[in-house]
N, C-alpha and C. Protein backbone atom coordinates (compact mmCIF):
# COMPACT_ATOMS: atom_id res chain seq x y z
N MET A 1 174.25 238.96 311.21
CA MET A 1 173.42 239.77 310.31
C MET A 1 172.66 238.86 309.34
N ALA A 2 173.40 237.91 308.78
CA ALA A 2 172.78 236.99 307.83
C ALA A 2 171.69 236.17 308.51
N LYS A 3 171.97 235.77 309.79
CA LYS A 3 170.99 235.00 310.53
C LYS A 3 169.73 235.80 310.77
N SER A 4 169.90 237.09 311.10
CA SER A 4 168.75 237.96 311.33
C SER A 4 167.93 238.13 310.06
N LYS A 5 168.64 238.26 308.94
CA LYS A 5 167.96 238.43 307.65
C LYS A 5 167.14 237.18 307.31
N THR A 6 167.72 235.99 307.58
CA THR A 6 167.02 234.74 307.30
C THR A 6 165.75 234.64 308.12
N LYS A 7 165.84 235.01 309.40
CA LYS A 7 164.66 234.97 310.26
C LYS A 7 163.59 235.93 309.76
N LYS A 8 164.01 237.09 309.30
CA LYS A 8 163.05 238.07 308.80
C LYS A 8 162.34 237.56 307.57
N GLN A 9 163.10 236.93 306.63
CA GLN A 9 162.51 236.38 305.42
C GLN A 9 161.53 235.27 305.77
N SER A 10 161.94 234.39 306.72
CA SER A 10 161.07 233.29 307.12
C SER A 10 159.80 233.83 307.76
N TRP A 11 159.95 234.84 308.59
CA TRP A 11 158.78 235.45 309.24
C TRP A 11 157.85 236.02 308.19
N THR A 12 158.39 236.68 307.19
CA THR A 12 157.56 237.27 306.14
C THR A 12 156.81 236.20 305.39
N LEU A 13 157.47 235.12 305.01
CA LEU A 13 156.81 234.05 304.28
C LEU A 13 155.74 233.39 305.13
N GLU A 14 156.06 233.10 306.38
CA GLU A 14 155.10 232.44 307.26
C GLU A 14 153.87 233.31 307.52
N ARG A 15 154.05 234.62 307.49
CA ARG A 15 152.91 235.52 307.70
C ARG A 15 152.07 235.69 306.44
N THR A 16 152.70 235.67 305.28
CA THR A 16 151.97 235.90 304.02
C THR A 16 151.41 234.62 303.42
N PHE A 17 152.06 233.49 303.68
CA PHE A 17 151.65 232.23 303.07
C PHE A 17 150.18 231.88 303.37
N PRO A 18 149.69 232.01 304.62
CA PRO A 18 148.28 231.70 304.87
C PRO A 18 147.33 232.59 304.07
N TRP A 19 147.72 233.86 303.86
CA TRP A 19 146.88 234.77 303.08
C TRP A 19 146.87 234.38 301.61
N ILE A 20 148.01 233.93 301.11
CA ILE A 20 148.08 233.47 299.72
C ILE A 20 147.13 232.30 299.51
N LEU A 21 147.14 231.35 300.46
CA LEU A 21 146.26 230.20 300.36
C LEU A 21 144.79 230.61 300.48
N THR A 22 144.49 231.45 301.46
CA THR A 22 143.10 231.82 301.72
C THR A 22 142.51 232.67 300.60
N ILE A 23 143.21 233.74 300.23
CA ILE A 23 142.69 234.64 299.20
C ILE A 23 142.74 233.98 297.83
N GLY A 24 143.90 233.37 297.50
CA GLY A 24 144.01 232.71 296.20
C GLY A 24 143.03 231.57 296.06
N GLY A 25 142.91 230.76 297.12
CA GLY A 25 141.96 229.65 297.08
C GLY A 25 140.53 230.13 296.98
N GLY A 26 140.20 231.22 297.69
CA GLY A 26 138.84 231.76 297.63
C GLY A 26 138.48 232.26 296.23
N ILE A 27 139.41 232.99 295.62
CA ILE A 27 139.17 233.49 294.27
C ILE A 27 139.05 232.32 293.29
N GLY A 28 139.93 231.34 293.44
CA GLY A 28 139.87 230.17 292.56
C GLY A 28 138.56 229.41 292.72
N PHE A 29 138.07 229.31 293.96
CA PHE A 29 136.81 228.60 294.20
C PHE A 29 135.65 229.32 293.52
N ILE A 30 135.62 230.65 293.63
CA ILE A 30 134.56 231.43 292.99
C ILE A 30 134.58 231.25 291.48
N ALA A 31 135.79 231.30 290.89
CA ALA A 31 135.92 231.12 289.44
C ALA A 31 135.48 229.72 289.04
N SER A 32 135.87 228.71 289.82
CA SER A 32 135.48 227.33 289.52
C SER A 32 133.97 227.14 289.64
N PHE A 33 133.37 227.80 290.62
CA PHE A 33 131.92 227.72 290.80
C PHE A 33 131.21 228.34 289.59
N ALA A 34 131.71 229.50 289.13
CA ALA A 34 131.11 230.16 287.97
C ALA A 34 131.21 229.27 286.73
N LEU A 35 132.37 228.63 286.54
CA LEU A 35 132.55 227.73 285.40
C LEU A 35 131.63 226.52 285.50
N THR A 36 131.49 225.98 286.71
CA THR A 36 130.61 224.83 286.90
C THR A 36 129.16 225.21 286.61
N TYR A 37 128.76 226.38 287.07
CA TYR A 37 127.40 226.86 286.83
C TYR A 37 127.14 226.98 285.33
N ASP A 38 128.07 227.60 284.61
CA ASP A 38 127.90 227.77 283.17
C ASP A 38 127.91 226.43 282.44
N LYS A 39 128.76 225.50 282.91
CA LYS A 39 128.82 224.17 282.29
C LYS A 39 127.47 223.46 282.43
N ILE A 40 126.86 223.55 283.60
CA ILE A 40 125.56 222.91 283.84
C ILE A 40 124.48 223.57 282.98
N LYS A 41 124.51 224.89 282.90
CA LYS A 41 123.51 225.62 282.10
C LYS A 41 123.64 225.27 280.62
N ILE A 42 124.86 225.16 280.14
CA ILE A 42 125.08 224.83 278.73
C ILE A 42 124.65 223.39 278.45
N ALA A 43 124.91 222.49 279.41
CA ALA A 43 124.49 221.11 279.24
C ALA A 43 122.96 221.00 279.14
N ALA A 44 122.26 221.86 279.89
CA ALA A 44 120.79 221.85 279.87
C ALA A 44 120.24 222.58 278.66
N ASN A 45 120.98 223.61 278.21
CA ASN A 45 120.52 224.42 277.08
C ASN A 45 121.73 224.83 276.24
N PRO A 46 121.98 224.14 275.12
CA PRO A 46 123.15 224.44 274.28
C PRO A 46 123.20 225.88 273.78
N HIS A 47 122.07 226.57 273.83
CA HIS A 47 122.02 227.95 273.35
C HIS A 47 122.26 228.98 274.46
N TYR A 48 122.50 228.47 275.67
CA TYR A 48 122.76 229.37 276.80
C TYR A 48 124.06 230.15 276.56
N ILE A 49 124.03 231.44 276.85
CA ILE A 49 125.20 232.30 276.66
C ILE A 49 125.75 232.71 278.03
N PRO A 50 126.93 232.23 278.40
CA PRO A 50 127.52 232.60 279.69
C PRO A 50 127.76 234.10 279.80
N SER A 51 127.74 234.61 281.01
CA SER A 51 127.92 236.04 281.23
C SER A 51 129.32 236.51 280.87
N CYS A 52 130.27 235.57 280.79
CA CYS A 52 131.65 235.96 280.46
C CYS A 52 131.95 235.83 278.97
N ASN A 53 130.91 235.73 278.15
CA ASN A 53 131.08 235.80 276.70
C ASN A 53 131.07 237.26 276.29
N PHE A 54 132.26 237.85 276.13
CA PHE A 54 132.36 239.27 275.81
C PHE A 54 132.50 239.53 274.31
N ASN A 55 133.22 238.66 273.64
CA ASN A 55 133.43 238.79 272.20
C ASN A 55 133.96 237.44 271.70
N PRO A 56 134.23 237.31 270.38
CA PRO A 56 134.69 236.01 269.87
C PRO A 56 135.99 235.52 270.51
N LEU A 57 136.82 236.41 271.01
CA LEU A 57 138.08 236.00 271.62
C LEU A 57 137.92 235.71 273.10
N LEU A 58 137.35 236.65 273.86
CA LEU A 58 137.10 236.45 275.29
C LEU A 58 135.74 235.79 275.43
N ASN A 59 135.75 234.47 275.44
CA ASN A 59 134.50 233.73 275.30
C ASN A 59 134.56 232.42 276.09
N CYS A 60 133.90 232.41 277.25
CA CYS A 60 133.89 231.20 278.07
C CYS A 60 133.20 230.04 277.37
N GLY A 61 132.10 230.34 276.69
CA GLY A 61 131.32 229.29 276.05
C GLY A 61 132.11 228.49 275.05
N SER A 62 132.95 229.18 274.27
CA SER A 62 133.76 228.49 273.25
C SER A 62 134.71 227.49 273.88
N VAL A 63 135.18 227.78 275.10
CA VAL A 63 136.11 226.89 275.80
C VAL A 63 135.36 225.79 276.55
N ILE A 64 134.27 226.14 277.22
CA ILE A 64 133.52 225.19 278.03
C ILE A 64 132.98 224.03 277.19
N LYS A 65 132.65 224.30 275.94
CA LYS A 65 132.04 223.28 275.08
C LYS A 65 133.06 222.30 274.48
N THR A 66 134.34 222.53 274.69
CA THR A 66 135.38 221.68 274.11
C THR A 66 135.67 220.47 274.99
N TRP A 67 136.30 219.44 274.41
CA TRP A 67 136.66 218.26 275.19
C TRP A 67 137.74 218.60 276.21
N GLN A 68 138.56 219.63 275.90
CA GLN A 68 139.62 220.01 276.84
C GLN A 68 139.07 220.49 278.17
N ALA A 69 137.83 220.98 278.17
CA ALA A 69 137.21 221.47 279.40
C ALA A 69 136.80 220.32 280.32
N SER A 70 136.84 219.11 279.79
CA SER A 70 136.56 217.90 280.60
C SER A 70 137.63 216.87 280.30
N ALA A 71 138.87 217.28 280.46
CA ALA A 71 140.01 216.47 280.02
C ALA A 71 140.09 215.11 280.72
N LEU A 72 139.61 215.03 281.95
CA LEU A 72 139.68 213.77 282.70
C LEU A 72 138.36 213.01 282.70
N GLY A 73 137.44 213.43 281.83
CA GLY A 73 136.15 212.75 281.74
C GLY A 73 135.04 213.45 282.50
N PHE A 74 135.36 214.49 283.22
CA PHE A 74 134.38 215.31 283.93
C PHE A 74 134.89 216.75 283.89
N PRO A 75 134.00 217.73 284.13
CA PRO A 75 134.43 219.13 284.01
C PRO A 75 135.65 219.46 284.87
N ASN A 76 136.61 220.14 284.28
CA ASN A 76 137.81 220.54 285.02
C ASN A 76 137.47 221.39 286.24
N SER A 77 136.36 222.12 286.13
CA SER A 77 135.98 223.00 287.24
C SER A 77 135.65 222.22 288.51
N PHE A 78 135.27 220.94 288.37
CA PHE A 78 135.03 220.12 289.55
C PHE A 78 136.32 219.95 290.35
N ILE A 79 137.44 219.82 289.63
CA ILE A 79 138.73 219.72 290.30
C ILE A 79 139.00 221.00 291.07
N GLY A 80 138.68 222.14 290.44
CA GLY A 80 138.88 223.43 291.09
C GLY A 80 138.04 223.58 292.34
N LEU A 81 136.78 223.15 292.26
CA LEU A 81 135.91 223.27 293.43
C LEU A 81 136.48 222.51 294.63
N GLY A 82 136.90 221.28 294.39
CA GLY A 82 137.45 220.48 295.48
C GLY A 82 138.81 220.97 295.93
N GLY A 83 139.69 221.24 294.96
CA GLY A 83 141.05 221.64 295.28
C GLY A 83 141.13 222.98 295.99
N PHE A 84 140.42 223.96 295.48
CA PHE A 84 140.47 225.29 296.10
C PHE A 84 139.77 225.31 297.46
N ALA A 85 138.76 224.47 297.63
CA ALA A 85 138.11 224.38 298.95
C ALA A 85 139.12 223.90 299.99
N VAL A 86 139.94 222.92 299.61
CA VAL A 86 140.98 222.41 300.52
C VAL A 86 142.00 223.50 300.81
N VAL A 87 142.41 224.23 299.78
CA VAL A 87 143.41 225.29 299.94
C VAL A 87 142.89 226.38 300.89
N VAL A 88 141.64 226.79 300.70
CA VAL A 88 141.06 227.81 301.58
C VAL A 88 141.00 227.32 303.01
N THR A 89 140.60 226.07 303.20
CA THR A 89 140.51 225.50 304.55
C THR A 89 141.86 225.53 305.24
N ILE A 90 142.91 225.13 304.52
CA ILE A 90 144.26 225.13 305.11
C ILE A 90 144.68 226.56 305.44
N GLY A 91 144.41 227.49 304.52
CA GLY A 91 144.77 228.88 304.76
C GLY A 91 144.10 229.45 305.99
N VAL A 92 142.81 229.18 306.14
CA VAL A 92 142.06 229.68 307.31
C VAL A 92 142.58 229.05 308.59
N MET A 93 142.88 227.76 308.54
CA MET A 93 143.44 227.07 309.72
C MET A 93 144.73 227.74 310.18
N LEU A 94 145.58 228.09 309.21
CA LEU A 94 146.84 228.75 309.56
C LEU A 94 146.59 230.15 310.11
N LEU A 95 145.60 230.85 309.55
CA LEU A 95 145.31 232.22 309.99
C LEU A 95 144.77 232.26 311.42
N VAL A 96 144.03 231.24 311.81
CA VAL A 96 143.44 231.25 313.16
C VAL A 96 144.40 230.72 314.21
N GLY A 97 145.61 230.37 313.80
CA GLY A 97 146.62 230.04 314.80
C GLY A 97 147.23 228.66 314.73
N LEU A 98 146.79 227.82 313.80
CA LEU A 98 147.40 226.50 313.70
C LEU A 98 148.85 226.65 313.28
N GLU A 99 149.75 226.03 313.98
CA GLU A 99 151.18 226.09 313.67
C GLU A 99 151.47 225.14 312.51
N ALA A 100 151.90 225.71 311.38
CA ALA A 100 152.12 224.91 310.17
C ALA A 100 153.10 223.77 310.41
N ARG A 101 154.11 224.02 311.22
CA ARG A 101 155.15 223.01 311.44
C ARG A 101 154.66 221.81 312.25
N THR A 102 153.48 221.96 312.88
CA THR A 102 152.95 220.84 313.65
C THR A 102 152.28 219.80 312.75
N LEU A 103 151.97 220.19 311.53
CA LEU A 103 151.35 219.26 310.59
C LEU A 103 152.40 218.31 310.02
N LYS A 104 151.99 217.12 309.70
CA LYS A 104 152.92 216.10 309.22
C LYS A 104 153.53 216.49 307.87
N ARG A 105 154.73 215.97 307.66
CA ARG A 105 155.42 216.23 306.40
C ARG A 105 154.57 215.78 305.21
N TRP A 106 153.90 214.62 305.32
CA TRP A 106 153.12 214.10 304.20
C TRP A 106 151.97 215.05 303.85
N PHE A 107 151.49 215.78 304.84
CA PHE A 107 150.41 216.73 304.59
C PHE A 107 150.87 217.81 303.62
N TRP A 108 152.06 218.36 303.89
CA TRP A 108 152.59 219.41 303.03
C TRP A 108 153.04 218.87 301.69
N TRP A 109 153.52 217.63 301.67
CA TRP A 109 153.85 216.99 300.40
C TRP A 109 152.58 216.86 299.56
N GLY A 110 151.48 216.48 300.20
CA GLY A 110 150.21 216.34 299.49
C GLY A 110 149.74 217.66 298.90
N LEU A 111 149.85 218.73 299.70
CA LEU A 111 149.46 220.05 299.20
C LEU A 111 150.35 220.47 298.04
N ASN A 112 151.65 220.17 298.16
CA ASN A 112 152.59 220.54 297.10
C ASN A 112 152.31 219.76 295.81
N LEU A 113 152.03 218.47 295.95
CA LEU A 113 151.72 217.65 294.77
C LEU A 113 150.41 218.10 294.13
N GLY A 114 149.45 218.49 294.96
CA GLY A 114 148.19 219.03 294.42
C GLY A 114 148.44 220.32 293.68
N GLY A 115 149.29 221.18 294.24
CA GLY A 115 149.64 222.43 293.56
C GLY A 115 150.37 222.18 292.26
N LEU A 116 151.27 221.18 292.27
CA LEU A 116 152.00 220.83 291.05
C LEU A 116 151.04 220.33 289.97
N PHE A 117 150.11 219.47 290.37
CA PHE A 117 149.11 218.98 289.42
C PHE A 117 148.31 220.14 288.83
N GLY A 118 147.90 221.08 289.70
CA GLY A 118 147.15 222.23 289.23
C GLY A 118 147.95 223.09 288.27
N ALA A 119 149.22 223.31 288.59
CA ALA A 119 150.08 224.14 287.74
C ALA A 119 150.30 223.49 286.38
N VAL A 120 150.51 222.16 286.38
CA VAL A 120 150.69 221.44 285.11
C VAL A 120 149.40 221.48 284.29
N LEU A 121 148.26 221.27 284.97
CA LEU A 121 146.98 221.27 284.27
C LEU A 121 146.68 222.63 283.64
N VAL A 122 146.87 223.71 284.39
CA VAL A 122 146.56 225.03 283.83
C VAL A 122 147.56 225.39 282.73
N SER A 123 148.80 224.92 282.84
CA SER A 123 149.77 225.18 281.77
C SER A 123 149.35 224.49 280.48
N TRP A 124 148.88 223.26 280.61
CA TRP A 124 148.36 222.53 279.44
C TRP A 124 147.13 223.23 278.88
N LEU A 125 146.25 223.67 279.75
CA LEU A 125 145.04 224.36 279.30
C LEU A 125 145.37 225.70 278.65
N GLN A 126 146.40 226.38 279.14
CA GLN A 126 146.84 227.62 278.50
C GLN A 126 147.22 227.37 277.04
N TYR A 127 148.01 226.34 276.84
CA TYR A 127 148.41 226.00 275.46
C TYR A 127 147.19 225.64 274.61
N GLN A 128 146.30 224.84 275.18
CA GLN A 128 145.13 224.40 274.43
C GLN A 128 144.21 225.56 274.05
N THR A 129 143.94 226.44 275.01
CA THR A 129 143.02 227.54 274.72
C THR A 129 143.62 228.56 273.75
N ILE A 130 144.92 228.80 273.89
CA ILE A 130 145.56 229.81 273.04
C ILE A 130 145.82 229.28 271.63
N TYR A 131 146.40 228.09 271.52
CA TYR A 131 146.89 227.60 270.23
C TYR A 131 145.99 226.57 269.54
N VAL A 132 145.05 225.97 270.29
CA VAL A 132 144.18 224.96 269.68
C VAL A 132 142.74 225.45 269.59
N ILE A 133 142.20 225.93 270.71
CA ILE A 133 140.81 226.41 270.73
C ILE A 133 140.69 227.81 270.15
N HIS A 134 141.75 228.59 270.30
CA HIS A 134 141.79 229.98 269.78
C HIS A 134 140.73 230.87 270.43
N ALA A 135 140.57 230.71 271.73
CA ALA A 135 139.65 231.56 272.50
C ALA A 135 140.14 231.60 273.94
N LEU A 136 139.79 232.66 274.65
CA LEU A 136 140.21 232.82 276.04
C LEU A 136 138.98 232.86 276.94
N CYS A 137 139.03 232.04 277.97
CA CYS A 137 137.94 231.99 278.95
C CYS A 137 138.34 232.85 280.15
N PRO A 138 137.66 233.99 280.38
CA PRO A 138 138.05 234.87 281.49
C PRO A 138 138.09 234.18 282.85
N TRP A 139 137.09 233.35 283.16
CA TRP A 139 137.10 232.66 284.44
C TRP A 139 138.26 231.67 284.53
N CYS A 140 138.57 231.04 283.39
CA CYS A 140 139.72 230.12 283.37
C CYS A 140 141.01 230.87 283.66
N MET A 141 141.14 232.07 283.11
CA MET A 141 142.35 232.85 283.32
C MET A 141 142.48 233.27 284.77
N VAL A 142 141.35 233.49 285.45
CA VAL A 142 141.39 233.78 286.89
C VAL A 142 141.98 232.59 287.63
N VAL A 143 141.57 231.39 287.24
CA VAL A 143 142.11 230.17 287.86
C VAL A 143 143.62 230.08 287.61
N TRP A 144 144.06 230.40 286.39
CA TRP A 144 145.50 230.40 286.09
C TRP A 144 146.25 231.31 287.06
N VAL A 145 145.70 232.52 287.22
CA VAL A 145 146.40 233.55 288.00
C VAL A 145 146.59 233.14 289.45
N VAL A 146 145.64 232.42 290.03
CA VAL A 146 145.78 232.06 291.45
C VAL A 146 146.49 230.72 291.64
N THR A 147 146.37 229.82 290.66
CA THR A 147 146.99 228.50 290.81
C THR A 147 148.51 228.60 290.83
N ILE A 148 149.06 229.44 289.99
CA ILE A 148 150.52 229.55 289.87
C ILE A 148 151.17 230.02 291.17
N PRO A 149 150.73 231.14 291.78
CA PRO A 149 151.37 231.53 293.05
C PRO A 149 151.11 230.56 294.20
N ILE A 150 149.95 229.91 294.20
CA ILE A 150 149.69 228.91 295.25
C ILE A 150 150.72 227.80 295.16
N PHE A 151 150.98 227.31 293.95
CA PHE A 151 151.99 226.26 293.77
C PHE A 151 153.39 226.77 294.11
N LEU A 152 153.73 227.96 293.60
CA LEU A 152 155.08 228.50 293.81
C LEU A 152 155.38 228.70 295.29
N TYR A 153 154.46 229.32 296.02
CA TYR A 153 154.75 229.64 297.43
C TYR A 153 154.57 228.45 298.36
N THR A 154 153.77 227.47 297.96
CA THR A 154 153.73 226.22 298.72
C THR A 154 155.07 225.51 298.61
N THR A 155 155.61 225.49 297.39
CA THR A 155 156.93 224.89 297.17
C THR A 155 158.01 225.65 297.94
N LEU A 156 157.94 226.98 297.88
CA LEU A 156 158.92 227.81 298.58
C LEU A 156 158.87 227.57 300.09
N TYR A 157 157.66 227.46 300.63
CA TYR A 157 157.52 227.22 302.06
C TYR A 157 158.11 225.85 302.43
N ASN A 158 157.78 224.84 301.65
CA ASN A 158 158.28 223.50 301.94
C ASN A 158 159.80 223.42 301.83
N LEU A 159 160.37 224.16 300.91
CA LEU A 159 161.83 224.21 300.80
C LEU A 159 162.44 224.91 302.01
N ARG A 160 161.82 225.98 302.44
CA ARG A 160 162.39 226.76 303.53
C ARG A 160 162.36 226.03 304.86
N VAL A 161 161.28 225.28 305.11
CA VAL A 161 161.20 224.57 306.39
C VAL A 161 161.73 223.13 306.27
N LYS A 162 162.31 222.82 305.10
CA LYS A 162 162.97 221.52 304.88
C LYS A 162 161.99 220.36 304.82
N PHE A 163 160.71 220.62 304.51
CA PHE A 163 159.78 219.52 304.31
C PHE A 163 160.11 218.80 303.00
N ILE A 164 160.67 219.54 302.04
CA ILE A 164 161.15 218.94 300.80
C ILE A 164 162.66 218.84 300.89
N PRO A 165 163.21 217.63 300.95
CA PRO A 165 164.67 217.49 301.00
C PRO A 165 165.27 217.94 299.67
N THR A 166 166.35 218.68 299.74
CA THR A 166 166.97 219.21 298.53
C THR A 166 168.30 218.51 298.28
N PRO A 167 168.39 217.71 297.21
CA PRO A 167 169.66 217.07 296.87
C PRO A 167 170.73 218.13 296.61
N VAL A 168 171.97 217.75 296.77
CA VAL A 168 173.08 218.68 296.59
C VAL A 168 173.03 219.32 295.20
N SER A 169 172.68 218.52 294.20
CA SER A 169 172.66 219.01 292.83
C SER A 169 171.58 220.07 292.59
N LEU A 170 170.58 220.12 293.48
CA LEU A 170 169.47 221.07 293.31
C LEU A 170 169.51 222.22 294.31
N LYS A 171 170.54 222.25 295.14
CA LYS A 171 170.60 223.29 296.16
C LYS A 171 170.70 224.70 295.55
N LYS A 172 171.50 224.85 294.50
CA LYS A 172 171.63 226.17 293.88
C LYS A 172 170.33 226.63 293.22
N PRO A 173 169.66 225.77 292.42
CA PRO A 173 168.37 226.18 291.87
C PRO A 173 167.35 226.50 292.95
N ALA A 174 167.32 225.70 294.02
CA ALA A 174 166.38 225.95 295.12
C ALA A 174 166.68 227.28 295.80
N ALA A 175 167.98 227.57 296.01
CA ALA A 175 168.36 228.84 296.62
C ALA A 175 167.99 230.01 295.72
N PHE A 176 168.14 229.82 294.41
CA PHE A 176 167.78 230.87 293.46
C PHE A 176 166.28 231.17 293.54
N ILE A 177 165.45 230.12 293.58
CA ILE A 177 164.00 230.31 293.67
C ILE A 177 163.63 231.03 294.96
N GLU A 178 164.27 230.65 296.06
CA GLU A 178 163.98 231.31 297.33
C GLU A 178 164.32 232.79 297.30
N LYS A 179 165.43 233.11 296.67
CA LYS A 179 165.90 234.50 296.63
C LYS A 179 165.13 235.34 295.62
N HIS A 180 164.74 234.72 294.51
CA HIS A 180 164.14 235.48 293.41
C HIS A 180 162.71 235.02 293.11
N HIS A 181 161.98 234.59 294.13
CA HIS A 181 160.64 234.06 293.89
C HIS A 181 159.72 235.08 293.23
N GLY A 182 159.86 236.34 293.59
CA GLY A 182 159.04 237.38 292.95
C GLY A 182 159.35 237.50 291.47
N ASP A 183 160.63 237.44 291.13
CA ASP A 183 161.03 237.51 289.73
C ASP A 183 160.52 236.29 288.96
N VAL A 184 160.59 235.12 289.59
CA VAL A 184 160.10 233.89 288.95
C VAL A 184 158.62 234.03 288.63
N LEU A 185 157.85 234.55 289.57
CA LEU A 185 156.41 234.72 289.38
C LEU A 185 156.13 235.71 288.25
N VAL A 186 156.85 236.83 288.24
CA VAL A 186 156.64 237.85 287.19
C VAL A 186 156.98 237.28 285.81
N VAL A 187 158.11 236.60 285.72
CA VAL A 187 158.53 236.03 284.42
C VAL A 187 157.51 234.99 283.95
N TRP A 188 157.01 234.19 284.88
CA TRP A 188 156.01 233.17 284.54
C TRP A 188 154.78 233.83 283.92
N PHE A 189 154.29 234.88 284.57
CA PHE A 189 153.12 235.58 284.04
C PHE A 189 153.42 236.30 282.73
N LEU A 190 154.63 236.86 282.63
CA LEU A 190 155.00 237.56 281.39
C LEU A 190 155.02 236.61 280.20
N ILE A 191 155.47 235.38 280.42
CA ILE A 191 155.48 234.39 279.34
C ILE A 191 154.06 234.14 278.84
N ILE A 192 153.12 234.00 279.78
CA ILE A 192 151.72 233.77 279.40
C ILE A 192 151.17 234.97 278.65
N ILE A 193 151.46 236.17 279.14
CA ILE A 193 150.97 237.39 278.50
C ILE A 193 151.52 237.52 277.09
N VAL A 194 152.82 237.24 276.92
CA VAL A 194 153.43 237.32 275.59
C VAL A 194 152.80 236.31 274.65
N MET A 195 152.53 235.11 275.13
CA MET A 195 151.86 234.10 274.31
C MET A 195 150.52 234.60 273.82
N ILE A 196 149.76 235.22 274.72
CA ILE A 196 148.43 235.73 274.36
C ILE A 196 148.52 236.90 273.39
N LEU A 197 149.44 237.82 273.68
CA LEU A 197 149.57 239.00 272.83
C LEU A 197 150.03 238.65 271.42
N THR A 198 151.03 237.77 271.33
CA THR A 198 151.57 237.45 270.01
C THR A 198 150.62 236.60 269.18
N HIS A 199 150.00 235.60 269.82
CA HIS A 199 149.13 234.71 269.05
C HIS A 199 147.86 235.41 268.58
N PHE A 200 147.34 236.30 269.42
CA PHE A 200 146.09 236.98 269.07
C PHE A 200 146.32 238.42 268.61
N TRP A 201 147.53 238.68 268.14
CA TRP A 201 147.84 240.04 267.71
C TRP A 201 146.90 240.50 266.60
N TYR A 202 146.46 239.59 265.73
CA TYR A 202 145.54 239.96 264.66
C TYR A 202 144.27 240.60 265.20
N TYR A 203 143.87 240.20 266.43
CA TYR A 203 142.67 240.79 267.04
C TYR A 203 143.00 242.06 267.79
N TRP A 204 144.10 242.04 268.57
CA TRP A 204 144.45 243.21 269.38
C TRP A 204 144.67 244.43 268.51
N LYS A 205 145.29 244.25 267.33
CA LYS A 205 145.60 245.42 266.49
C LYS A 205 144.36 246.07 265.92
N THR A 206 143.22 245.35 265.93
CA THR A 206 141.99 245.94 265.42
C THR A 206 141.32 246.86 266.43
N ILE A 207 141.73 246.74 267.72
CA ILE A 207 141.09 247.58 268.74
C ILE A 207 142.05 248.62 269.31
N ILE A 208 143.26 248.68 268.77
CA ILE A 208 144.22 249.70 269.24
C ILE A 208 143.93 251.02 268.53
């Protein structure tokens, strides 16, 4: 019975993982393209107002003009354009029939490390936009929303097919993530939502 259940879980992950990469990567690419477009327009005309400037709080322009938006010396959205294009390509390859297990271990390690870099970067940007810049960029938040599950489920897939070796000391945490991945994702998003609600409560209470 346990063996049958494991096969069913693996089948479910293997069937949904390509869609997570394709859809999440596609949405992330669109958001990165929009940010890149606005960055170029602002560079050409400092008075340009991005379409995602809704109010003083939800304001792409306030974030795009900061140094944090080019943390590595060039616009962060350039990383998104390249990274999400790769993610979409891999997702489509899997959807059209490429067997994931036929790809080399280093390939999946590379995707996982890229996802980890993205997750760390967006986590840092979340802190910066909420607590330092004091403004929220809608397109940036779209990138947050897709980067986190891409990283989580890439890691989950690599753990399940043993592409990532799990030391004995980490077997219990890894098993917990595999069993409760949905809960992990919800809690992760809830933490971000609570950060936004509590820090900007002075604004939210004016529109309730």
